[in-house]
């Protein structure tokens, strides 16, 4: 059965403006409750559910933040890097020396047999 122009496909559905009325009523009740219990609730949530508290704070932070300006990089301290590189080179050198000694010992034992 086709609908006539302007006829709803769900005539028993939600009436116009009902969502707005519900939203307005909810916000009014929430505002009254906030006025009475707001700070106490924040404190309790912060102490008992810190993850929810943090999530709530983050939900209030603006999502698209633009930062302009010059960023001066911190000076890179190379002393720890230099010491690490020297240590790695020492390990590699010792490994090469040990490999060379093993190879020489193998060659001598091969020729003696």
PDB file of N, CA and C in Angstrom:
ATOM      1  N   UNK A   1       0.843  -1.176   0.000  1.00  0.00           N
ATOM      2  CA  UNK A   1       0.000   0.000   0.000  1.00  0.00           C
ATOM      3  C   UNK A   1       0.891   1.242   0.000  1.00  0.00           C
ATOM      4  N   UNK A   2       0.966   1.972  -1.071  1.00  0.00           N
ATOM      5  CA  UNK A   2       1.832   3.162  -1.148  1.00  0.00           C
ATOM      6  C   UNK A   2       1.279   4.301  -0.283  1.00  0.00           C
ATOM      7  N   UNK A   3       2.218   5.121   0.203  1.00  0.00           N
ATOM      8  CA  UNK A   3       1.820   6.275   1.021  1.00  0.00           C
ATOM      9  C   UNK A   3       1.533   7.470   0.133  1.00  0.00           C
ATOM     10  N   UNK A   4       0.661   8.274   0.643  1.00  0.00           N
ATOM     11  CA  UNK A   4       0.366   9.513  -0.066  1.00  0.00           C
ATOM     12  C   UNK A   4       1.428  10.552   0.288  1.00  0.00           C
ATOM     13  N   UNK A   5       1.562  11.551  -0.536  1.00  0.00           N
ATOM     14  CA  UNK A   5       2.545  12.601  -0.324  1.00  0.00           C
ATOM     15  C   UNK A   5       2.327  13.245   1.048  1.00  0.00           C
ATOM     16  N   UNK A   6       3.426  13.313   1.831  1.00  0.00           N
ATOM     17  CA  UNK A   6       3.355  13.913   3.161  1.00  0.00           C
ATOM     18  C   UNK A   6       2.941  12.946   4.251  1.00  0.00           C
ATOM     19  N   UNK A   7       2.578  11.719   3.897  1.00  0.00           N
ATOM     20  CA  UNK A   7       2.155  10.729   4.885  1.00  0.00           C
ATOM     21  C   UNK A   7       3.381   9.995   5.408  1.00  0.00           C
ATOM     22  N   UNK A   8       3.422   9.776   6.728  1.00  0.00           N
ATOM     23  CA  UNK A   8       4.553   9.089   7.349  1.00  0.00           C
ATOM     24  C   UNK A   8       4.463   7.599   7.100  1.00  0.00           C
ATOM     25  N   UNK A   9       5.594   6.953   6.967  1.00  0.00           N
ATOM     26  CA  UNK A   9       5.633   5.504   6.838  1.00  0.00           C
ATOM     27  C   UNK A   9       5.356   4.831   8.169  1.00  0.00           C
ATOM     28  N   UNK A  10       5.424   5.578   9.253  1.00  0.00           N
ATOM     29  CA  UNK A  10       5.150   5.044  10.589  1.00  0.00           C
ATOM     30  C   UNK A  10       4.218   6.018  11.291  1.00  0.00           C
ATOM     31  N   UNK A  11       2.925   5.953  11.018  1.00  0.00           N
ATOM     32  CA  UNK A  11       1.991   6.929  11.576  1.00  0.00           C
ATOM     33  C   UNK A  11       1.920   6.901  13.101  1.00  0.00           C
ATOM     34  N   UNK A  12       2.266   5.790  13.727  1.00  0.00           N
ATOM     35  CA  UNK A  12       2.248   5.724  15.190  1.00  0.00           C
ATOM     36  C   UNK A  12       3.596   6.058  15.785  1.00  0.00           C
ATOM     37  N   UNK A  13       4.542   6.572  14.985  1.00  0.00           N
ATOM     38  CA  UNK A  13       5.906   6.847  15.435  1.00  0.00           C
ATOM     39  C   UNK A  13       6.016   8.090  16.298  1.00  0.00           C
ATOM     40  N   UNK A  14       7.238   8.497  16.505  1.00  0.00           N
ATOM     41  CA  UNK A  14       7.557   9.644  17.358  1.00  0.00           C
ATOM     42  C   UNK A  14       6.954  10.907  16.767  1.00  0.00           C
ATOM     43  N   UNK A  15       6.331  11.712  17.624  1.00  0.00           N
ATOM     44  CA  UNK A  15       5.741  12.962  17.140  1.00  0.00           C
ATOM     45  C   UNK A  15       6.832  14.014  16.953  1.00  0.00           C
ATOM     46  N   UNK A  16       6.577  14.977  16.100  1.00  0.00           N
ATOM     47  CA  UNK A  16       7.561  16.017  15.825  1.00  0.00           C
ATOM     48  C   UNK A  16       7.860  16.799  17.092  1.00  0.00           C
ATOM     49  N   UNK A  17       9.144  17.052  17.316  1.00  0.00           N
ATOM     50  CA  UNK A  17       9.568  17.847  18.455  1.00  0.00           C
ATOM     51  C   UNK A  17       9.720  17.054  19.740  1.00  0.00           C
ATOM     52  N   UNK A  18       9.366  15.777  19.735  1.00  0.00           N
ATOM     53  CA  UNK A  18       9.445  15.003  20.982  1.00  0.00           C
ATOM     54  C   UNK A  18      10.890  14.788  21.427  1.00  0.00           C
ATOM     55  N   UNK A  19      11.796  14.608  20.478  1.00  0.00           N
ATOM     56  CA  UNK A  19      13.212  14.437  20.850  1.00  0.00           C
ATOM     57  C   UNK A  19      13.746  15.715  21.484  1.00  0.00           C
ATOM     58  N   UNK A  20      13.412  16.853  20.916  1.00  0.00           N
ATOM     59  CA  UNK A  20      13.859  18.135  21.470  1.00  0.00           C
ATOM     60  C   UNK A  20      13.291  18.335  22.866  1.00  0.00           C
ATOM     61  N   UNK A  21      12.010  17.999  23.069  1.00  0.00           N
ATOM     62  CA  UNK A  21      11.385  18.144  24.386  1.00  0.00           C
ATOM     63  C   UNK A  21      12.084  17.257  25.411  1.00  0.00           C
ATOM     64  N   UNK A  22      12.382  16.012  25.027  1.00  0.00           N
ATOM     65  CA  UNK A  22      13.072  15.098  25.925  1.00  0.00           C
ATOM     66  C   UNK A  22      14.467  15.620  26.258  1.00  0.00           C
ATOM     67  N   UNK A  23      15.176  16.086  25.246  1.00  0.00           N
ATOM     68  CA  UNK A  23      16.521  16.621  25.459  1.00  0.00           C
ATOM     69  C   UNK A  23      16.476  17.830  26.376  1.00  0.00           C
ATOM     70  N   UNK A  24      15.557  18.739  26.143  1.00  0.00           N
ATOM     71  CA  UNK A  24      15.432  19.928  26.989  1.00  0.00           C
ATOM     72  C   UNK A  24      15.118  19.550  28.430  1.00  0.00           C
ATOM     73  N   UNK A  25      14.197  18.611  28.627  1.00  0.00           N
ATOM     74  CA  UNK A  25      13.837  18.172  29.977  1.00  0.00           C
ATOM     75  C   UNK A  25      15.037  17.540  30.666  1.00  0.00           C
ATOM     76  N   UNK A  26      15.761  16.695  29.946  1.00  0.00           N
ATOM     77  CA  UNK A  26      16.936  16.034  30.515  1.00  0.00           C
ATOM     78  C   UNK A  26      17.986  17.063  30.930  1.00  0.00           C
ATOM     79  N   UNK A  27      18.236  18.033  30.087  1.00  0.00           N
ATOM     80  CA  UNK A  27      19.246  19.048  30.392  1.00  0.00           C
ATOM     81  C   UNK A  27      18.831  19.876  31.607  1.00  0.00           C
ATOM     82  N   UNK A  28      17.540  20.200  31.730  1.00  0.00           N
ATOM     83  CA  UNK A  28      17.077  20.951  32.901  1.00  0.00           C
ATOM     84  C   UNK A  28      17.290  20.150  34.189  1.00  0.00           C
ATOM     85  N   UNK A  29      16.930  18.862  34.166  1.00  0.00           N
ATOM     86  CA  UNK A  29      17.114  18.008  35.343  1.00  0.00           C
ATOM     87  C   UNK A  29      18.600  17.869  35.669  1.00  0.00           C
ATOM     88  N   UNK A  30      19.415  17.670  34.650  1.00  0.00           N
ATOM     89  CA  UNK A  30      20.862  17.545  34.843  1.00  0.00           C
ATOM     90  C   UNK A  30      21.437  18.813  35.454  1.00  0.00           C
ATOM     91  N   UNK A  31      20.990  19.973  34.989  1.00  0.00           N
ATOM     92  CA  UNK A  31      21.487  21.246  35.526  1.00  0.00           C
ATOM     93  C   UNK A  31      21.122  21.395  36.995  1.00  0.00           C
ATOM     94  N   UNK A  32      19.898  21.017  37.371  1.00  0.00           N
ATOM     95  CA  UNK A  32      19.488  21.102  38.782  1.00  0.00           C
ATOM     96  C   UNK A  32      20.326  20.156  39.639  1.00  0.00           C
ATOM     97  N   UNK A  33      20.530  18.942  39.156  1.00  0.00           N
ATOM     98  CA  UNK A  33      21.327  17.966  39.898  1.00  0.00           C
ATOM     99  C   UNK A  33      22.768  18.443  40.036  1.00  0.00           C
ATOM    100  N   UNK A  34      23.297  19.021  38.971  1.00  0.00           N
ATOM    101  CA  UNK A  34      24.674  19.528  38.990  1.00  0.00           C
ATOM    102  C   UNK A  34      24.834  20.623  40.034  1.00  0.00           C
ATOM    103  N   UNK A  35      23.836  21.494  40.117  1.00  0.00           N
ATOM    104  CA  UNK A  35      23.888  22.593  41.071  1.00  0.00           C
ATOM    105  C   UNK A  35      24.002  22.072  42.505  1.00  0.00           C
ATOM    106  N   UNK A  36      23.303  20.984  42.797  1.00  0.00           N
ATOM    107  CA  UNK A  36      23.288  20.434  44.154  1.00  0.00           C
ATOM    108  C   UNK A  36      24.496  19.530  44.419  1.00  0.00           C
ATOM    109  N   UNK A  37      24.859  18.649  43.482  1.00  0.00           N
ATOM    110  CA  UNK A  37      25.845  17.599  43.757  1.00  0.00           C
ATOM    111  C   UNK A  37      27.125  17.689  42.937  1.00  0.00           C
ATOM    112  N   UNK A  38      27.266  18.650  42.069  1.00  0.00           N
ATOM    113  CA  UNK A  38      28.359  18.682  41.102  1.00  0.00           C
ATOM    114  C   UNK A  38      29.749  18.478  41.662  1.00  0.00           C
ATOM    115  N   UNK A  39      30.175  19.322  42.579  1.00  0.00           N
ATOM    116  CA  UNK A  39      31.550  19.239  43.086  1.00  0.00           C
ATOM    117  C   UNK A  39      31.798  17.943  43.846  1.00  0.00           C
ATOM    118  N   UNK A  40      30.810  17.503  44.628  1.00  0.00           N
ATOM    119  CA  UNK A  40      30.974  16.262  45.389  1.00  0.00           C
ATOM    120  C   UNK A  40      31.125  15.063  44.450  1.00  0.00           C
ATOM    121  N   UNK A  41      30.367  15.062  43.361  1.00  0.00           N
ATOM    122  CA  UNK A  41      30.455  13.961  42.401  1.00  0.00           C
ATOM    123  C   UNK A  41      31.819  13.951  41.720  1.00  0.00           C
ATOM    124  N   UNK A  42      32.297  15.121  41.345  1.00  0.00           N
ATOM    125  CA  UNK A  42      33.618  15.203  40.707  1.00  0.00           C
ATOM    126  C   UNK A  42      34.683  14.637  41.638  1.00  0.00           C
ATOM    127  N   UNK A  43      34.631  15.021  42.903  1.00  0.00           N
ATOM    128  CA  UNK A  43      35.623  14.543  43.870  1.00  0.00           C
ATOM    129  C   UNK A  43      35.533  13.029  44.023  1.00  0.00           C
ATOM    130  N   UNK A  44      34.317  12.492  44.149  1.00  0.00           N
ATOM    131  CA  UNK A  44      34.156  11.056  44.330  1.00  0.00           C
ATOM    132  C   UNK A  44      34.640  10.283  43.102  1.00  0.00           C
ATOM    133  N   UNK A  45      34.301  10.760  41.917  1.00  0.00           N
ATOM    134  CA  UNK A  45      34.749  10.081  40.689  1.00  0.00           C
ATOM    135  C   UNK A  45      36.266  10.142  40.584  1.00  0.00           C
ATOM    136  N   UNK A  46      36.856  11.290  40.904  1.00  0.00           N
ATOM    137  CA  UNK A  46      38.311  11.428  40.837  1.00  0.00           C
ATOM    138  C   UNK A  46      38.991  10.432  41.760  1.00  0.00           C
ATOM    139  N   UNK A  47      38.444  10.226  42.966  1.00  0.00           N
ATOM    140  CA  UNK A  47      39.067   9.332  43.942  1.00  0.00           C
ATOM    141  C   UNK A  47      38.770   7.857  43.663  1.00  0.00           C
ATOM    142  N   UNK A  48      37.535   7.537  43.251  1.00  0.00           N
ATOM    143  CA  UNK A  48      37.136   6.137  43.102  1.00  0.00           C
ATOM    144  C   UNK A  48      37.309   5.590  41.687  1.00  0.00           C
ATOM    145  N   UNK A  49      37.235   6.457  40.685  1.00  0.00           N
ATOM    146  CA  UNK A  49      37.330   6.019  39.289  1.00  0.00           C
ATOM    147  C   UNK A  49      38.202   7.001  38.495  1.00  0.00           C
ATOM    148  N   UNK A  50      39.512   7.015  38.765  1.00  0.00           N
ATOM    149  CA  UNK A  50      40.381   8.004  38.100  1.00  0.00           C
ATOM    150  C   UNK A  50      40.377   7.901  36.577  1.00  0.00           C
ATOM    151  N   UNK A  51      40.208   6.700  36.029  1.00  0.00           N
ATOM    152  CA  UNK A  51      40.191   6.561  34.561  1.00  0.00           C
ATOM    153  C   UNK A  51      38.975   7.273  33.982  1.00  0.00           C
ATOM    154  N   UNK A  52      37.815   7.122  34.619  1.00  0.00           N
ATOM    155  CA  UNK A  52      36.604   7.799  34.152  1.00  0.00           C
ATOM    156  C   UNK A  52      36.756   9.311  34.308  1.00  0.00           C
ATOM    157  N   UNK A  53      37.379   9.734  35.387  1.00  0.00           N
ATOM    158  CA  UNK A  53      37.616  11.159  35.631  1.00  0.00           C
ATOM    159  C   UNK A  53      38.484  11.738  34.514  1.00  0.00           C
ATOM    160  N   UNK A  54      39.577  11.022  34.201  1.00  0.00           N
ATOM    161  CA  UNK A  54      40.492  11.485  33.160  1.00  0.00           C
ATOM    162  C   UNK A  54      39.804  11.502  31.800  1.00  0.00           C
ATOM    163  N   UNK A  55      39.016  10.456  31.514  1.00  0.00           N
ATOM    164  CA  UNK A  55      38.289  10.395  30.246  1.00  0.00           C
ATOM    165  C   UNK A  55      37.317  11.566  30.129  1.00  0.00           C
ATOM    166  N   UNK A  56      36.658  11.895  31.227  1.00  0.00           N
ATOM    167  CA  UNK A  56      35.751  13.040  31.225  1.00  0.00           C
ATOM    168  C   UNK A  56      36.481  14.341  30.953  1.00  0.00           C
ATOM    169  N   UNK A  57      37.648  14.505  31.574  1.00  0.00           N
ATOM    170  CA  UNK A  57      38.434  15.722  31.325  1.00  0.00           C
ATOM    171  C   UNK A  57      38.837  15.809  29.861  1.00  0.00           C
ATOM    172  N   UNK A  58      39.301  14.684  29.302  1.00  0.00           N
ATOM    173  CA  UNK A  58      39.726  14.693  27.901  1.00  0.00           C
ATOM    174  C   UNK A  58      38.577  14.999  26.956  1.00  0.00           C
ATOM    175  N   UNK A  59      37.377  14.588  27.328  1.00  0.00           N
ATOM    176  CA  UNK A  59      36.234  14.854  26.450  1.00  0.00           C
ATOM    177  C   UNK A  59      35.935  16.345  26.350  1.00  0.00           C
ATOM    178  N   UNK A  60      36.432  17.117  27.304  1.00  0.00           N
ATOM    179  CA  UNK A  60      36.200  18.561  27.293  1.00  0.00           C
ATOM    180  C   UNK A  60      37.258  19.330  26.515  1.00  0.00           C
ATOM    181  N   UNK A  61      38.374  18.671  26.230  1.00  0.00           N
ATOM    182  CA  UNK A  61      39.470  19.331  25.524  1.00  0.00           C
ATOM    183  C   UNK A  61      39.135  19.432  24.045  1.00  0.00           C
ATOM    184  N   UNK A  62      39.422  20.577  23.479  1.00  0.00           N
ATOM    185  CA  UNK A  62      39.182  20.805  22.055  1.00  0.00           C
ATOM    186  C   UNK A  62      39.984  19.797  21.234  1.00  0.00           C
ATOM    187  N   UNK A  63      39.334  19.195  20.242  1.00  0.00           N
ATOM    188  CA  UNK A  63      39.971  18.134  19.462  1.00  0.00           C
ATOM    189  C   UNK A  63      40.933  18.669  18.399  1.00  0.00           C
ATOM    190  N   UNK A  64      40.577  19.734  17.726  1.00  0.00           N
ATOM    191  CA  UNK A  64      41.416  20.293  16.673  1.00  0.00           C
ATOM    192  C   UNK A  64      42.175  21.488  17.222  1.00  0.00           C
ATOM    193  N   UNK A  65      43.411  21.247  17.608  1.00  0.00           N
ATOM    194  CA  UNK A  65      44.225  22.307  18.176  1.00  0.00           C
ATOM    195  C   UNK A  65      45.335  22.624  17.187  1.00  0.00           C
ATOM    196  N   UNK A  66      45.483  23.898  16.872  1.00  0.00           N
ATOM    197  CA  UNK A  66      46.530  24.327  15.964  1.00  0.00           C
ATOM    198  C   UNK A  66      47.564  25.115  16.764  1.00  0.00           C
ATOM    199  N   UNK A  67      48.808  24.716  16.645  1.00  0.00           N
ATOM    200  CA  UNK A  67      49.886  25.393  17.358  1.00  0.00           C
ATOM    201  C   UNK A  67      50.817  25.987  16.319  1.00  0.00           C
ATOM    202  N   UNK A  68      51.058  27.262  16.455  1.00  0.00           N
ATOM    203  CA  UNK A  68      51.971  27.932  15.534  1.00  0.00           C
ATOM    204  C   UNK A  68      53.142  28.497  16.314  1.00  0.00           C
ATOM    205  N   UNK A  69      54.271  28.522  15.688  1.00  0.00           N
ATOM    206  CA  UNK A  69      55.452  29.085  16.331  1.00  0.00           C
ATOM    207  C   UNK A  69      56.677  28.271  15.971  1.00  0.00           C
ATOM    208  N   UNK A  70      57.799  28.737  16.463  1.00  0.00           N
ATOM    209  CA  UNK A  70      59.059  28.071  16.176  1.00  0.00           C
ATOM    210  C   UNK A  70      59.393  27.133  17.333  1.00  0.00           C
ATOM    211  N   UNK A  71      59.783  25.925  16.993  1.00  0.00           N
ATOM    212  CA  UNK A  71      60.163  24.949  18.005  1.00  0.00           C
ATOM    213  C   UNK A  71      61.680  24.840  17.981  1.00  0.00           C
ATOM    214  N   UNK A  72      62.298  25.135  19.106  1.00  0.00           N
ATOM    215  CA  UNK A  72      63.744  25.024  19.228  1.00  0.00           C
ATOM    216  C   UNK A  72      64.067  23.648  19.793  1.00  0.00           C
ATOM    217  N   UNK A  73      64.729  22.814  19.010  1.00  0.00           N
ATOM    218  CA  UNK A  73      65.043  21.475  19.518  1.00  0.00           C
ATOM    219  C   UNK A  73      66.047  21.550  20.670  1.00  0.00           C
ATOM    220  N   UNK A  74      65.894  20.657  21.601  1.00  0.00           N
ATOM    221  CA  UNK A  74      66.831  20.595  22.724  1.00  0.00           C
ATOM    222  C   UNK A  74      68.166  20.105  22.194  1.00  0.00           C
ATOM    223  N   UNK A  75      69.264  20.619  22.737  1.00  0.00           N
ATOM    224  CA  UNK A  75      70.577  20.158  22.274  1.00  0.00           C
ATOM    225  C   UNK A  75      70.738  18.669  22.584  1.00  0.00           C
ATOM    226  N   UNK A  76      71.247  17.917  21.623  1.00  0.00           N
ATOM    227  CA  UNK A  76      71.442  16.491  21.781  1.00  0.00           C
ATOM    228  C   UNK A  76      72.750  16.242  22.515  1.00  0.00           C
ATOM    229  N   UNK A  77      72.676  15.511  23.596  1.00  0.00           N
ATOM    230  CA  UNK A  77      73.885  15.177  24.350  1.00  0.00           C
ATOM    231  C   UNK A  77      74.430  13.876  23.789  1.00  0.00           C
ATOM    232  N   UNK A  78      75.650  13.921  23.261  1.00  0.00           N
ATOM    233  CA  UNK A  78      76.201  12.766  22.559  1.00  0.00           C
ATOM    234  C   UNK A  78      77.119  11.913  23.427  1.00  0.00           C
ATOM    235  N   UNK A  79      77.395  12.337  24.650  1.00  0.00           N
ATOM    236  CA  UNK A  79      78.319  11.567  25.484  1.00  0.00           C
ATOM    237  C   UNK A  79      77.833  10.132  25.689  1.00  0.00           C
ATOM    238  N   UNK A  80      76.572   9.907  26.080  1.00  0.00           N
ATOM    239  CA  UNK A  80      76.136   8.513  26.264  1.00  0.00           C
ATOM    240  C   UNK A  80      76.189   7.724  24.961  1.00  0.00           C
ATOM    241  N   UNK A  81      75.886   8.368  23.848  1.00  0.00           N
ATOM    242  CA  UNK A  81      75.926   7.703  22.555  1.00  0.00           C
ATOM    243  C   UNK A  81      77.366   7.331  22.191  1.00  0.00           C
ATOM    244  N   UNK A  82      78.305   8.236  22.452  1.00  0.00           N
ATOM    245  CA  UNK A  82      79.715   7.962  22.149  1.00  0.00           C
ATOM    246  C   UNK A  82      80.224   6.790  22.971  1.00  0.00           C
ATOM    247  N   UNK A  83      79.868   6.766  24.248  1.00  0.00           N
ATOM    248  CA  UNK A  83      80.310   5.679  25.121  1.00  0.00           C
ATOM    249  C   UNK A  83      79.712   4.353  24.659  1.00  0.00           C
ATOM    250  N   UNK A  84      78.467   4.365  24.252  1.00  0.00           N
ATOM    251  CA  UNK A  84      77.816   3.139  23.776  1.00  0.00           C
ATOM    252  C   UNK A  84      78.483   2.661  22.497  1.00  0.00           C
ATOM    253  N   UNK A  85      78.748   3.567  21.582  1.00  0.00           N
ATOM    254  CA  UNK A  85      79.397   3.186  20.322  1.00  0.00           C
ATOM    255  C   UNK A  85      80.790   2.612  20.589  1.00  0.00           C
ATOM    256  N   UNK A  86      81.548   3.211  21.518  1.00  0.00           N
ATOM    257  CA  UNK A  86      82.881   2.702  21.843  1.00  0.00           C
ATOM    258  C   UNK A  86      82.786   1.289  22.419  1.00  0.00           C
ATOM    259  N   UNK A  87      81.797   1.054  23.262  1.00  0.00           N
ATOM    260  CA  UNK A  87      81.601  -0.268  23.858  1.00  0.00           C
ATOM    261  C   UNK A  87      81.259  -1.304  22.780  1.00  0.00           C
ATOM    262  N   UNK A  88      80.363  -0.922  21.846  1.00  0.00           N
ATOM    263  CA  UNK A  88      79.979  -1.836  20.761  1.00  0.00           C
ATOM    264  C   UNK A  88      81.183  -2.151  19.882  1.00  0.00           C
ATOM    265  N   UNK A  89      81.992  -1.127  19.567  1.00  0.00           N
ATOM    266  CA  UNK A  89      83.191  -1.349  18.747  1.00  0.00           C
ATOM    267  C   UNK A  89      84.169  -2.278  19.455  1.00  0.00           C
ATOM    268  N   UNK A  90      84.272  -2.131  20.784  1.00  0.00           N
ATOM    269  CA  UNK A  90      85.165  -2.994  21.557  1.00  0.00           C
ATOM    270  C   UNK A  90      84.685  -4.442  21.497  1.00  0.00           C
ATOM    271  N   UNK A  91      83.378  -4.656  21.647  1.00  0.00           N
ATOM    272  CA  UNK A  91      82.809  -6.008  21.600  1.00  0.00           C
ATOM    273  C   UNK A  91      83.047  -6.627  20.218  1.00  0.00           C
ATOM    274  N   UNK A  92      82.804  -5.835  19.166  1.00  0.00           N
ATOM    275  CA  UNK A  92      83.009  -6.329  17.801  1.00  0.00           C
ATOM    276  C   UNK A  92      84.479  -6.685  17.583  1.00  0.00           C
ATOM    277  N   UNK A  93      85.390  -5.833  18.055  1.00  0.00           N
ATOM    278  CA  UNK A  93      86.831  -6.082  17.897  1.00  0.00           C
ATOM    279  C   UNK A  93      87.240  -7.352  18.625  1.00  0.00           C
ATOM    280  N   UNK A  94      86.750  -7.523  19.865  1.00  0.00           N
ATOM    281  CA  UNK A  94      87.081  -8.725  20.627  1.00  0.00           C
ATOM    282  C   UNK A  94      86.525  -9.965  19.935  1.00  0.00           C
ATOM    283  N   UNK A  95      85.324  -9.824  19.365  1.00  0.00           N
ATOM    284  CA  UNK A  95      84.709 -10.949  18.649  1.00  0.00           C
ATOM    285  C   UNK A  95      85.522 -11.298  17.405  1.00  0.00           C
ATOM    286  N   UNK A  96      85.992 -10.266  16.683  1.00  0.00           N
ATOM    287  CA  UNK A  96      86.814 -10.502  15.495  1.00  0.00           C
ATOM    288  C   UNK A  96      88.137 -11.151  15.878  1.00  0.00           C
ATOM    289  N   UNK A  97      88.758 -10.677  16.976  1.00  0.00           N
ATOM    290  CA  UNK A  97      90.026 -11.241  17.434  1.00  0.00           C
ATOM    291  C   UNK A  97      89.849 -12.718  17.815  1.00  0.00           C
ATOM    292  N   UNK A  98      88.738 -13.003  18.507  1.00  0.00           N
ATOM    293  CA  UNK A  98      88.478 -14.384  18.923  1.00  0.00           C
ATOM    294  C   UNK A  98      88.216 -15.260  17.702  1.00  0.00           C
ATOM    295  N   UNK A  99      87.514 -14.766  16.728  1.00  0.00           N
ATOM    296  CA  UNK A  99      87.233 -15.534  15.514  1.00  0.00           C
ATOM    297  C   UNK A  99      88.519 -15.801  14.751  1.00  0.00           C
ATOM    298  N   UNK A 100      89.391 -14.809  14.691  1.00  0.00           N
ATOM    299  CA  UNK A 100      90.670 -14.968  13.992  1.00  0.00           C
ATOM    300  C   UNK A 100      91.543 -15.986  14.691  1.00  0.00           C
ATOM    301  N   UNK A 101      91.563 -15.980  16.019  1.00  0.00           N
ATOM    302  CA  UNK A 101      92.375 -16.939  16.766  1.00  0.00           C
ATOM    303  C   UNK A 101      91.826 -18.348  16.581  1.00  0.00           C
ATOM    304  N   UNK A 102      90.513 -18.495  16.576  1.00  0.00           N
ATOM    305  CA  UNK A 102      89.904 -19.806  16.365  1.00  0.00           C
ATOM    306  C   UNK A 102      90.212 -20.321  14.967  1.00  0.00           C
ATOM    307  N   UNK A 103      90.148 -19.450  13.981  1.00  0.00           N
ATOM    308  CA  UNK A 103      90.412 -19.852  12.605  1.00  0.00           C
ATOM    309  C   UNK A 103      91.878 -20.263  12.455  1.00  0.00           C
ATOM    310  N   UNK A 104      92.785 -19.522  13.062  1.00  0.00           N
ATOM    311  CA  UNK A 104      94.207 -19.849  12.976  1.00  0.00           C
ATOM    312  C   UNK A 104      94.474 -21.177  13.673  1.00  0.00           C
ATOM    313  N   UNK A 105      93.865 -21.392  14.808  1.00  0.00           N
ATOM    314  CA  UNK A 105      94.047 -22.652  15.543  1.00  0.00           C
ATOM    315  C   UNK A 105      93.507 -23.819  14.752  1.00  0.00           C
ATOM    316  N   UNK A 106      92.413 -23.629  14.062  1.00  0.00           N
ATOM    317  CA  UNK A 106      91.831 -24.680  13.238  1.00  0.00           C
ATOM    318  C   UNK A 106      92.766 -25.041  12.082  1.00  0.00           C
ATOM    319  N   UNK A 107      93.338 -24.007  11.452  1.00  0.00           N
ATOM    320  CA  UNK A 107      94.231 -24.239  10.309  1.00  0.00           C
ATOM    321  C   UNK A 107      95.446 -25.017  10.758  1.00  0.00           C
ATOM    322  N   UNK A 108      96.011 -24.684  11.933  1.00  0.00           N
ATOM    323  CA  UNK A 108      97.204 -25.381  12.426  1.00  0.00           C
ATOM    324  C   UNK A 108      96.872 -26.828  12.750  1.00  0.00           C
ATOM    325  N   UNK A 109      95.692 -27.076  13.328  1.00  0.00           N
ATOM    326  CA  UNK A 109      95.341 -28.451  13.675  1.00  0.00           C
ATOM    327  C   UNK A 109      95.062 -29.269  12.420  1.00  0.00           C
ATOM    328  N   UNK A 110      94.558 -28.620  11.379  1.00  0.00           N
ATOM    329  CA  UNK A 110      94.285 -29.314  10.115  1.00  0.00           C
ATOM    330  C   UNK A 110      95.592 -29.743   9.453  1.00  0.00           C
ATOM    331  N   UNK A 111      96.596 -28.899   9.491  1.00  0.00           N
ATOM    332  CA  UNK A 111      97.863 -29.211   8.827  1.00  0.00           C
ATOM    333  C   UNK A 111      98.663 -30.237   9.600  1.00  0.00           C
ATOM    334  N   UNK A 112      98.445 -30.305  10.930  1.00  0.00           N
ATOM    335  CA  UNK A 112      99.175 -31.282  11.724  1.00  0.00           C
ATOM    336  C   UNK A 112      98.615 -32.672  11.519  1.00  0.00           C
ATOM    337  N   UNK A 113      97.396 -32.802  11.127  1.00  0.00           N
ATOM    338  CA  UNK A 113      96.801 -34.130  10.935  1.00  0.00           C
ATOM    339  C   UNK A 113      97.185 -34.705   9.653  1.00  0.00           C
TER     340      UNK A 113
END
